[in-house]
Protein backbone atom coordinates (compact mmCIF):
# COMPACT_ATOMS: atom_id res chain seq x y z
CA UNK A 1 -71.04 13.01 38.32
CA UNK A 2 -69.05 13.02 35.13
CA UNK A 3 -65.35 13.91 35.04
CA UNK A 4 -63.91 15.60 31.95
CA UNK A 5 -60.32 15.23 30.94
CA UNK A 6 -58.67 17.93 28.96
CA UNK A 7 -56.39 16.62 26.20
CA UNK A 8 -53.26 18.56 25.40
CA UNK A 9 -53.07 19.78 21.89
CA UNK A 10 -50.25 18.38 19.79
CA UNK A 11 -47.76 20.92 18.70
CA UNK A 12 -47.95 21.77 15.03
CA UNK A 13 -45.11 20.57 12.91
CA UNK A 14 -44.72 23.64 10.70
CA UNK A 15 -44.27 26.94 12.25
CA UNK A 16 -45.97 29.80 10.50
CA UNK A 17 -43.64 31.63 8.15
CA UNK A 18 -43.81 35.36 7.90
CA UNK A 19 -42.46 37.35 5.03
CA UNK A 20 -40.14 40.09 6.41
CA UNK A 21 -40.57 43.16 4.32
CA UNK A 22 -39.70 46.73 4.93
CA UNK A 23 -42.70 48.58 6.18
CA UNK A 24 -43.06 52.24 5.19
CA UNK A 25 -45.08 54.36 7.58
CA UNK A 26 -45.43 57.23 5.26
CA UNK A 27 -49.06 58.00 4.27
CA UNK A 28 -51.17 60.91 3.17
CA UNK A 29 -54.84 61.82 3.04
CA UNK A 30 -55.74 63.62 -0.17
CA UNK A 31 -58.92 65.06 -1.47
CA UNK A 32 -59.95 64.54 -5.06
CA UNK A 33 -63.29 65.22 -6.72
CA UNK A 34 -65.15 65.54 -3.46
CA UNK A 35 -63.70 62.35 -1.86
CA UNK A 36 -60.87 61.76 0.65
CA UNK A 37 -58.40 58.93 0.03
CA UNK A 38 -55.69 57.57 2.29
CA UNK A 39 -52.69 56.82 0.09
CA UNK A 40 -49.29 55.18 0.59
CA UNK A 41 -46.29 54.83 -1.87
CA UNK A 42 -46.93 51.89 -4.12
CA UNK A 43 -50.69 51.70 -3.44
CA UNK A 44 -53.17 51.70 -6.31
CA UNK A 45 -56.20 53.96 -5.90
CA UNK A 46 -59.26 54.51 -8.09
CA UNK A 47 -60.18 58.10 -8.82
CA UNK A 48 -63.33 59.18 -10.46
CA UNK A 49 -63.25 60.63 -13.96
CA UNK A 50 -60.84 60.55 -16.92
CA UNK A 51 -57.81 62.66 -16.18
CA UNK A 52 -55.17 61.36 -18.57
CA UNK A 53 -53.54 58.73 -20.75
CA UNK A 54 -52.15 55.45 -19.71
CA UNK A 55 -48.61 56.01 -18.22
CA UNK A 56 -48.99 59.73 -17.77
CA UNK A 57 -48.24 61.38 -14.41
CA UNK A 58 -51.14 62.39 -12.12
CA UNK A 59 -50.66 64.87 -9.22
CA UNK A 60 -52.88 65.37 -6.16
CA UNK A 61 -52.43 69.01 -5.01
CA UNK A 62 -55.10 68.99 -2.24
CA UNK A 63 -53.25 67.14 0.58
CA UNK A 64 -55.09 67.24 3.86
CA UNK A 65 -52.61 65.34 6.13
CA UNK A 66 -49.14 63.77 5.87
CA UNK A 67 -47.40 61.39 8.23
CA UNK A 68 -43.71 60.82 7.80
CA UNK A 69 -41.48 57.94 8.87
CA UNK A 70 -40.53 59.42 12.15
CA UNK A 71 -44.18 59.72 13.13
CA UNK A 72 -44.37 63.39 12.48
CA UNK A 73 -47.89 64.45 11.47
CA UNK A 74 -48.51 67.53 9.36
CA UNK A 75 -52.15 68.57 9.21
CA UNK A 76 -53.27 71.30 6.99
CA UNK A 77 -55.94 73.97 7.50
CA UNK A 78 -57.49 72.94 5.10
CA UNK A 79 -54.50 71.87 2.96
CA UNK A 80 -50.82 71.15 3.81
CA UNK A 81 -48.68 73.90 2.16
CA UNK A 82 -46.19 72.80 -0.48
CA UNK A 83 -47.33 69.19 -0.27
CA UNK A 84 -48.23 66.97 -3.26
CA UNK A 85 -48.72 63.37 -4.01
CA UNK A 86 -47.64 62.02 -7.42
CA UNK A 87 -48.64 58.90 -9.18
CA UNK A 88 -48.83 57.15 -12.57
CA UNK A 89 -52.08 56.35 -14.43
CA UNK A 90 -52.21 52.51 -14.59
CA UNK A 91 -55.55 52.05 -16.39
CA UNK A 92 -59.19 53.09 -16.42
CA UNK A 93 -62.48 51.24 -16.12
CA UNK A 94 -66.13 51.50 -15.28
CA UNK A 95 -67.76 50.84 -11.90
CA UNK A 96 -70.75 48.68 -11.30
CA UNK A 97 -74.02 49.44 -12.75
CA UNK A 98 -76.18 51.56 -10.53
CA UNK A 99 -79.96 51.26 -11.09
CA UNK A 100 -82.28 54.14 -10.12
CA UNK A 101 -85.87 52.94 -9.90
CA UNK A 102 -88.71 55.37 -9.22
CA UNK A 103 -92.25 54.29 -8.55
CA UNK A 104 -95.43 56.07 -7.43
CA UNK A 105 -97.91 53.63 -5.80
CA UNK A 106 -101.32 53.21 -7.28
CA UNK A 107 -100.56 55.43 -10.35
CA UNK A 108 -98.84 53.00 -12.63
CA UNK A 109 -95.74 55.12 -12.70
CA UNK A 110 -92.48 53.15 -12.97
CA UNK A 111 -89.17 54.52 -14.29
CA UNK A 112 -85.86 52.81 -14.41
CA UNK A 113 -82.65 54.73 -15.12
CA UNK A 114 -78.99 53.96 -14.37
CA UNK A 115 -75.43 54.64 -15.06
CA UNK A 116 -71.89 53.38 -14.70
CA UNK A 117 -69.24 55.84 -13.51
CA UNK A 118 -65.77 55.96 -15.10
CA UNK A 119 -62.71 55.72 -12.92
CA UNK A 120 -58.90 55.81 -13.31
CA UNK A 121 -56.39 53.58 -11.51
CA UNK A 122 -53.51 55.58 -10.23
CA UNK A 123 -50.37 54.00 -8.70
CA UNK A 124 -48.84 56.26 -6.06
CA UNK A 125 -45.13 56.84 -6.57
CA UNK A 126 -44.13 59.67 -4.25
CA UNK A 127 -45.37 61.78 -1.33
CA UNK A 128 -43.63 65.16 -0.80
CA UNK A 129 -44.32 67.41 2.18
């Protein structure tokens, strides 16, 4: 029979360093252009379309849910009354190219179309509920 000896691991010299930052527990779920987004203050989200100029204020009025620092959750039916999320437009861009390919077998029919959607980057500044 063989005997196995377990070797003890050497302790690591450098302890992991963690950055201590203040964690905000405030978040909201907003609905915009048919999509739902979870947003927090300081986060950057991408919204479909071209709503405004660079640096202009952007407001999300359709707020579905808000959680505050104390853990209080306010859910709307369907939207939270007097709640809004404000942000600043940081930039705009275009998404990846989407290719739509259609083919009918044995008929020689092949069609390729495609598009790139526009989006706007919005930096969230405030959540009011």
